[in-house]
Amino acid sequence: MFLAGHPSQGCFGLQSHCAPCYFFNKASFYPSDFFFNSRLNRFVEWAKNEIAVVPDFHKRILFSNEAHFWLNGYVNKQNCRIWSEANPQVYVETPLHPEKLTVSYALWAGGIIGPYFFKNDEGHNVTVNGDRYRSMITNFFIPELNNHDVQKLWFQQDGATCHTARATVDLLKDTFGDRLISRFGPVNWPPRSCDLTPLDYFLWGYVVIGLCG
């Protein structure tokens, strides 16, 4: 029985021993996703072939990405409840453009590079564009690689515009040559494939737990 928002919802749950069930949001699929899936399949087949030749190939891929952390104390209202006999009518004021901090990491089997915080010369948080991304690569990321055998490492990035500008791809090719997995790179990274990168399915969640713990 579906009683969302009905006054008898709580009583019905107590009498029937039922528990409230929540909806889960699921990404919509579009006709173009079939094209994306074909590119995903090609990439997976390519990776499997590489692993067949070099069994530890997957351990040589530097997976990279950025994430935004909101600094205004934002709380997901679906996870926050106030128990009271009367509705306290609590309002949380939020700014129109809340401040956020963008953080970059690169992760592979041999370790982790980062965090790198995107800030301007005055120390203020800034968004990522092509110039700032290339500055991070040149002044932070590549120097951090000096202690590792770069000749054996592959670099992966997603298809964000700042990642795939011609100047950015050329800069990464100067360091990694053909060992670049990226849109417009020697090996194409399939779009909407966050389930393939450990930053999305592991690292960011781990960082959030550490910050909130």
C-alpha atoms as a PDB file:
ATOM      1  CA  MET A   1       0.000   0.000   0.000  1.00  0.00           C
ATOM      2  CA  PHE A   2       1.383   3.386  -0.957  1.00  0.00           C
ATOM      3  CA  LEU A   3       0.604   6.027   1.670  1.00  0.00           C
ATOM      4  CA  ALA A   4       3.290   8.639   1.145  1.00  0.00           C
ATOM      5  CA  GLY A   5       2.216  11.867   2.824  1.00  0.00           C
ATOM      6  CA  HIS A   6      -1.004  10.350   4.228  1.00  0.00           C
ATOM      7  CA  PRO A   7      -1.855  11.127   7.921  1.00  0.00           C
ATOM      8  CA  SER A   8      -2.454   7.435   8.623  1.00  0.00           C
ATOM      9  CA  GLN A   9       0.971   6.446   7.360  1.00  0.00           C
ATOM     10  CA  GLY A  10       2.525   6.091  10.839  1.00  0.00           C
ATOM     11  CA  CYS A  11      -0.443   4.163  12.301  1.00  0.00           C
ATOM     12  CA  PHE A  12      -0.544   1.837   9.323  1.00  0.00           C
ATOM     13  CA  GLY A  13       3.143   1.077   9.782  1.00  0.00           C
ATOM     14  CA  LEU A  14       2.693   0.224  13.463  1.00  0.00           C
ATOM     15  CA  GLN A  15      -0.351  -1.992  12.896  1.00  0.00           C
ATOM     16  CA  SER A  16       0.946  -3.873   9.890  1.00  0.00           C
ATOM     17  CA  HIS A  17       4.600  -4.106  10.978  1.00  0.00           C
ATOM     18  CA  CYS A  18       5.575  -2.508   7.686  1.00  0.00           C
ATOM     19  CA  ALA A  19       8.522  -0.194   7.299  1.00  0.00           C
ATOM     20  CA  PRO A  20       8.596   2.913   5.106  1.00  0.00           C
ATOM     21  CA  CYS A  21      10.374   2.363   1.817  1.00  0.00           C
ATOM     22  CA  TYR A  22      12.226   5.118   0.029  1.00  0.00           C
ATOM     23  CA  PHE A  23      12.681   5.717  -3.643  1.00  0.00           C
ATOM     24  CA  PHE A  24      16.131   5.588  -5.209  1.00  0.00           C
ATOM     25  CA  ASN A  25      17.035   7.944  -8.008  1.00  0.00           C
ATOM     26  CA  LYS A  26      18.415   6.258 -11.093  1.00  0.00           C
ATOM     27  CA  ALA A  27      20.086   7.959 -14.010  1.00  0.00           C
ATOM     28  CA  SER A  28      17.922   8.130 -17.093  1.00  0.00           C
ATOM     29  CA  PHE A  29      19.046   6.311 -20.205  1.00  0.00           C
ATOM     30  CA  TYR A  30      19.017   7.932 -23.590  1.00  0.00           C
ATOM     31  CA  PRO A  31      19.442   6.525 -27.103  1.00  0.00           C
ATOM     32  CA  SER A  32      22.974   7.940 -27.135  1.00  0.00           C
ATOM     33  CA  ASP A  33      23.841   5.677 -24.187  1.00  0.00           C
ATOM     34  CA  PHE A  34      23.926   2.716 -26.539  1.00  0.00           C
ATOM     35  CA  PHE A  35      26.730   4.509 -28.375  1.00  0.00           C
ATOM     36  CA  PHE A  36      28.451   5.178 -25.044  1.00  0.00           C
ATOM     37  CA  ASN A  37      28.121   1.502 -24.141  1.00  0.00           C
ATOM     38  CA  SER A  38      29.835   0.469 -27.351  1.00  0.00           C
ATOM     39  CA  ARG A  39      32.781   2.708 -26.488  1.00  0.00           C
ATOM     40  CA  LEU A  40      32.794   1.325 -22.963  1.00  0.00           C
ATOM     41  CA  ASN A  41      32.885  -2.220 -24.302  1.00  0.00           C
ATOM     42  CA  ARG A  42      35.757  -1.351 -26.633  1.00  0.00           C
ATOM     43  CA  PHE A  43      37.724   0.132 -23.751  1.00  0.00           C
ATOM     44  CA  VAL A  44      37.119  -2.893 -21.515  1.00  0.00           C
ATOM     45  CA  GLU A  45      38.224  -5.240 -24.300  1.00  0.00           C
ATOM     46  CA  TRP A  46      41.340  -3.132 -24.840  1.00  0.00           C
ATOM     47  CA  ALA A  47      42.155  -3.235 -21.110  1.00  0.00           C
ATOM     48  CA  LYS A  48      41.620  -7.010 -20.965  1.00  0.00           C
ATOM     49  CA  ASN A  49      43.999  -7.473 -23.895  1.00  0.00           C
ATOM     50  CA  GLU A  50      46.635  -5.328 -22.180  1.00  0.00           C
ATOM     51  CA  ILE A  51      46.279  -7.335 -18.957  1.00  0.00           C
ATOM     52  CA  ALA A  52      46.641 -10.578 -20.928  1.00  0.00           C
ATOM     53  CA  VAL A  53      50.069  -9.354 -22.065  1.00  0.00           C
ATOM     54  CA  VAL A  54      51.092  -7.530 -18.865  1.00  0.00           C
ATOM     55  CA  PRO A  55      49.233  -9.116 -15.895  1.00  0.00           C
ATOM     56  CA  ASP A  56      49.807  -6.123 -13.603  1.00  0.00           C
ATOM     57  CA  PHE A  57      48.835  -3.576 -16.252  1.00  0.00           C
ATOM     58  CA  HIS A  58      45.858  -2.325 -14.224  1.00  0.00           C
ATOM     59  CA  LYS A  59      48.246  -1.490 -11.382  1.00  0.00           C
ATOM     60  CA  ARG A  60      50.134   0.925 -13.622  1.00  0.00           C
ATOM     61  CA  ILE A  61      47.228   3.261 -14.356  1.00  0.00           C
ATOM     62  CA  LEU A  62      47.143   6.619 -12.584  1.00  0.00           C
ATOM     63  CA  PHE A  63      43.449   7.405 -12.176  1.00  0.00           C
ATOM     64  CA  SER A  64      42.833  11.120 -11.682  1.00  0.00           C
ATOM     65  CA  ASN A  65      39.854  13.338 -10.948  1.00  0.00           C
ATOM     66  CA  GLU A  66      38.557  16.328  -9.009  1.00  0.00           C
ATOM     67  CA  ALA A  67      35.751  16.637  -6.478  1.00  0.00           C
ATOM     68  CA  HIS A  68      33.911  19.589  -4.934  1.00  0.00           C
ATOM     69  CA  PHE A  69      33.556  20.013  -1.179  1.00  0.00           C
ATOM     70  CA  TRP A  70      30.935  22.517  -0.027  1.00  0.00           C
ATOM     71  CA  LEU A  71      32.083  24.789   2.809  1.00  0.00           C
ATOM     72  CA  ASN A  72      28.796  26.303   3.998  1.00  0.00           C
ATOM     73  CA  GLY A  73      27.746  23.433   6.273  1.00  0.00           C
ATOM     74  CA  TYR A  74      25.247  22.112   3.754  1.00  0.00           C
ATOM     75  CA  VAL A  75      23.258  19.157   5.084  1.00  0.00           C
ATOM     76  CA  ASN A  76      21.163  16.822   2.958  1.00  0.00           C
ATOM     77  CA  LYS A  77      17.679  17.424   4.373  1.00  0.00           C
ATOM     78  CA  GLN A  78      16.691  13.847   3.508  1.00  0.00           C
ATOM     79  CA  ASN A  79      19.240  12.643   6.072  1.00  0.00           C
ATOM     80  CA  CYS A  80      18.383  15.147   8.813  1.00  0.00           C
ATOM     81  CA  ARG A  81      15.254  14.952  10.971  1.00  0.00           C
ATOM     82  CA  ILE A  82      14.061  16.804  14.083  1.00  0.00           C
ATOM     83  CA  TRP A  83      11.812  14.791  16.409  1.00  0.00           C
ATOM     84  CA  SER A  84       9.313  17.056  18.141  1.00  0.00           C
ATOM     85  CA  GLU A  85       5.689  17.038  19.297  1.00  0.00           C
ATOM     86  CA  ALA A  86       5.131  20.198  17.285  1.00  0.00           C
ATOM     87  CA  ASN A  87       6.719  21.244  14.031  1.00  0.00           C
ATOM     88  CA  PRO A  88       9.519  23.646  15.041  1.00  0.00           C
ATOM     89  CA  GLN A  89       9.412  25.271  11.590  1.00  0.00           C
ATOM     90  CA  VAL A  90      13.181  25.290  11.271  1.00  0.00           C
ATOM     91  CA  TYR A  91      14.600  27.067   8.256  1.00  0.00           C
ATOM     92  CA  VAL A  92      18.201  26.819   7.125  1.00  0.00           C
ATOM     93  CA  GLU A  93      19.415  29.827   5.199  1.00  0.00           C
ATOM     94  CA  THR A  94      21.699  28.953   2.312  1.00  0.00           C
ATOM     95  CA  PRO A  95      23.579  31.323   0.008  1.00  0.00           C
ATOM     96  CA  LEU A  96      22.692  31.463  -3.660  1.00  0.00           C
ATOM     97  CA  HIS A  97      26.251  30.504  -4.634  1.00  0.00           C
ATOM     98  CA  PRO A  98      27.747  28.553  -1.712  1.00  0.00           C
ATOM     99  CA  GLU A  99      31.518  28.456  -1.428  1.00  0.00           C
ATOM    100  CA  LYS A 100      33.177  25.232  -2.463  1.00  0.00           C
ATOM    101  CA  LEU A 101      36.687  23.827  -2.542  1.00  0.00           C
ATOM    102  CA  THR A 102      37.824  21.767  -5.527  1.00  0.00           C
ATOM    103  CA  VAL A 103      40.335  19.024  -4.750  1.00  0.00           C
ATOM    104  CA  SER A 104      42.363  16.883  -7.144  1.00  0.00           C
ATOM    105  CA  TYR A 105      43.879  13.443  -6.544  1.00  0.00           C
ATOM    106  CA  ALA A 106      45.626  10.802  -8.624  1.00  0.00           C
ATOM    107  CA  LEU A 107      45.567   7.201  -7.407  1.00  0.00           C
ATOM    108  CA  TRP A 108      47.230   3.992  -8.520  1.00  0.00           C
ATOM    109  CA  ALA A 109      48.447   0.744  -6.982  1.00  0.00           C
ATOM    110  CA  GLY A 110      51.771   2.332  -6.055  1.00  0.00           C
ATOM    111  CA  GLY A 111      50.377   5.216  -4.070  1.00  0.00           C
ATOM    112  CA  ILE A 112      48.495   8.473  -4.242  1.00  0.00           C
ATOM    113  CA  ILE A 113      49.333  11.978  -5.430  1.00  0.00           C
ATOM    114  CA  GLY A 114      47.457  14.781  -3.742  1.00  0.00           C
ATOM    115  CA  PRO A 115      45.499  16.407  -2.445  1.00  0.00           C
ATOM    116  CA  TYR A 116      45.851  19.491  -4.592  1.00  0.00           C
ATOM    117  CA  PHE A 117      43.560  22.406  -3.735  1.00  0.00           C
ATOM    118  CA  PHE A 118      42.597  24.794  -6.511  1.00  0.00           C
ATOM    119  CA  LYS A 119      43.262  28.304  -5.182  1.00  0.00           C
ATOM    120  CA  ASN A 120      44.375  31.586  -6.728  1.00  0.00           C
ATOM    121  CA  ASP A 121      47.424  33.644  -5.749  1.00  0.00           C
ATOM    122  CA  GLU A 122      45.437  35.293  -2.953  1.00  0.00           C
ATOM    123  CA  GLY A 123      44.533  31.905  -1.495  1.00  0.00           C
ATOM    124  CA  HIS A 124      40.877  32.050  -2.518  1.00  0.00           C
ATOM    125  CA  ASN A 125      39.113  28.944  -3.771  1.00  0.00           C
ATOM    126  CA  VAL A 126      38.599  28.922  -7.526  1.00  0.00           C
ATOM    127  CA  THR A 127      36.905  26.755 -10.115  1.00  0.00           C
ATOM    128  CA  VAL A 128      38.921  24.617 -12.499  1.00  0.00           C
ATOM    129  CA  ASN A 129      39.594  25.796 -16.032  1.00  0.00           C
ATOM    130  CA  GLY A 130      42.150  24.762 -18.629  1.00  0.00           C
ATOM    131  CA  ASP A 131      44.879  27.143 -17.459  1.00  0.00           C
ATOM    132  CA  ARG A 132      44.522  26.177 -13.801  1.00  0.00           C
ATOM    133  CA  TYR A 133      44.421  22.482 -14.613  1.00  0.00           C
ATOM    134  CA  ARG A 134      47.591  22.728 -16.711  1.00  0.00           C
ATOM    135  CA  SER A 135      49.254  24.732 -13.952  1.00  0.00           C
ATOM    136  CA  MET A 136      48.431  21.938 -11.503  1.00  0.00           C
ATOM    137  CA  ILE A 137      49.872  19.341 -13.895  1.00  0.00           C
ATOM    138  CA  THR A 138      53.070  21.349 -14.486  1.00  0.00           C
ATOM    139  CA  ASN A 139      53.781  22.690 -11.006  1.00  0.00           C
ATOM    140  CA  PHE A 140      52.424  19.937  -8.764  1.00  0.00           C
ATOM    141  CA  PHE A 141      51.554  16.668 -10.447  1.00  0.00           C
ATOM    142  CA  ILE A 142      54.590  16.102 -12.681  1.00  0.00           C
ATOM    143  CA  PRO A 143      57.128  17.061  -9.965  1.00  0.00           C
ATOM    144  CA  GLU A 144      55.399  14.590  -7.630  1.00  0.00           C
ATOM    145  CA  LEU A 145      56.040  11.861 -10.215  1.00  0.00           C
ATOM    146  CA  ASN A 146      59.809  12.333 -10.076  1.00  0.00           C
ATOM    147  CA  ASN A 147      60.118   9.626  -7.420  1.00  0.00           C
ATOM    148  CA  HIS A 148      58.387   7.050  -9.608  1.00  0.00           C
ATOM    149  CA  ASP A 149      59.148   5.238 -12.846  1.00  0.00           C
ATOM    150  CA  VAL A 150      56.989   7.324 -15.148  1.00  0.00           C
ATOM    151  CA  GLN A 151      57.937   5.203 -18.157  1.00  0.00           C
ATOM    152  CA  LYS A 152      55.746   2.384 -16.821  1.00  0.00           C
ATOM    153  CA  LEU A 153      52.768   4.479 -15.762  1.00  0.00           C
ATOM    154  CA  TRP A 154      49.631   5.326 -17.713  1.00  0.00           C
ATOM    155  CA  PHE A 155      47.599   8.444 -16.969  1.00  0.00           C
ATOM    156  CA  GLN A 156      43.789   8.463 -16.993  1.00  0.00           C
ATOM    157  CA  GLN A 157      41.426  11.430 -16.923  1.00  0.00           C
ATOM    158  CA  ASP A 158      37.761  11.901 -17.784  1.00  0.00           C
ATOM    159  CA  GLY A 159      36.299  14.039 -20.547  1.00  0.00           C
ATOM    160  CA  ALA A 160      35.927  17.331 -18.664  1.00  0.00           C
ATOM    161  CA  THR A 161      36.598  20.296 -20.944  1.00  0.00           C
ATOM    162  CA  CYS A 162      39.587  21.503 -18.924  1.00  0.00           C
ATOM    163  CA  HIS A 163      41.114  18.017 -19.258  1.00  0.00           C
ATOM    164  CA  THR A 164      40.662  17.643 -22.985  1.00  0.00           C
ATOM    165  CA  ALA A 165      41.702  21.026 -24.376  1.00  0.00           C
ATOM    166  CA  ARG A 166      44.362  20.586 -27.055  1.00  0.00           C
ATOM    167  CA  ALA A 167      46.996  22.336 -24.918  1.00  0.00           C
ATOM    168  CA  THR A 168      46.237  20.011 -21.993  1.00  0.00           C
ATOM    169  CA  VAL A 169      46.382  16.813 -24.042  1.00  0.00           C
ATOM    170  CA  ASP A 170      49.662  17.937 -25.653  1.00  0.00           C
ATOM    171  CA  LEU A 171      51.108  18.696 -22.211  1.00  0.00           C
ATOM    172  CA  LEU A 172      50.223  15.232 -20.927  1.00  0.00           C
ATOM    173  CA  LYS A 173      51.597  13.588 -24.072  1.00  0.00           C
ATOM    174  CA  ASP A 174      54.936  15.276 -23.397  1.00  0.00           C
ATOM    175  CA  THR A 175      55.159  13.256 -20.170  1.00  0.00           C
ATOM    176  CA  PHE A 176      53.259  10.062 -20.919  1.00  0.00           C
ATOM    177  CA  GLY A 177      53.495   9.760 -24.696  1.00  0.00           C
ATOM    178  CA  ASP A 178      50.988   7.167 -25.907  1.00  0.00           C
ATOM    179  CA  ARG A 179      50.280   6.071 -22.320  1.00  0.00           C
ATOM    180  CA  LEU A 180      47.416   8.540 -22.002  1.00  0.00           C
ATOM    181  CA  ILE A 181      43.823   7.414 -21.450  1.00  0.00           C
ATOM    182  CA  SER A 182      41.640  10.410 -22.189  1.00  0.00           C
ATOM    183  CA  ARG A 183      39.103  11.814 -24.563  1.00  0.00           C
ATOM    184  CA  PHE A 184      41.100  12.992 -27.597  1.00  0.00           C
ATOM    185  CA  GLY A 185      44.026  10.952 -26.300  1.00  0.00           C
ATOM    186  CA  PRO A 186      45.794   7.905 -27.762  1.00  0.00           C
ATOM    187  CA  VAL A 187      43.397   5.665 -25.799  1.00  0.00           C
ATOM    188  CA  ASN A 188      39.870   7.004 -25.507  1.00  0.00           C
ATOM    189  CA  TRP A 189      38.259   7.074 -22.058  1.00  0.00           C
ATOM    190  CA  PRO A 190      34.566   6.168 -22.459  1.00  0.00           C
ATOM    191  CA  PRO A 191      32.134   8.828 -21.191  1.00  0.00           C
ATOM    192  CA  ARG A 192      29.934   8.216 -18.147  1.00  0.00           C
ATOM    193  CA  SER A 193      32.241   5.459 -16.900  1.00  0.00           C
ATOM    194  CA  CYS A 194      32.830   6.549 -13.308  1.00  0.00           C
ATOM    195  CA  ASP A 195      32.292   2.946 -12.174  1.00  0.00           C
ATOM    196  CA  LEU A 196      35.672   2.094 -13.706  1.00  0.00           C
ATOM    197  CA  THR A 197      37.756   4.540 -11.667  1.00  0.00           C
ATOM    198  CA  PRO A 198      38.652   3.894  -8.002  1.00  0.00           C
ATOM    199  CA  LEU A 199      38.388   7.578  -7.177  1.00  0.00           C
ATOM    200  CA  ASP A 200      34.645   7.523  -7.779  1.00  0.00           C
ATOM    201  CA  TYR A 201      33.826   4.142  -6.282  1.00  0.00           C
ATOM    202  CA  PHE A 202      36.285   4.333  -3.362  1.00  0.00           C
ATOM    203  CA  LEU A 203      38.457   7.387  -2.700  1.00  0.00           C
ATOM    204  CA  TRP A 204      35.914  10.196  -2.523  1.00  0.00           C
ATOM    205  CA  GLY A 205      33.695   8.221  -0.167  1.00  0.00           C
ATOM    206  CA  TYR A 206      36.704   7.409   2.003  1.00  0.00           C
ATOM    207  CA  VAL A 207      37.691  11.090   2.142  1.00  0.00           C
ATOM    208  CA  VAL A 208      34.167  12.166   3.092  1.00  0.00           C
ATOM    209  CA  ILE A 209      34.005   9.572   5.884  1.00  0.00           C
ATOM    210  CA  GLY A 210      37.360  10.825   7.170  1.00  0.00           C
ATOM    211  CA  LEU A 211      36.172  14.432   7.172  1.00  0.00           C
ATOM    212  CA  CYS A 212      32.895  13.634   8.901  1.00  0.00           C
ATOM    213  CA  GLY A 213      34.271  11.064  11.328  1.00  0.00           C
END
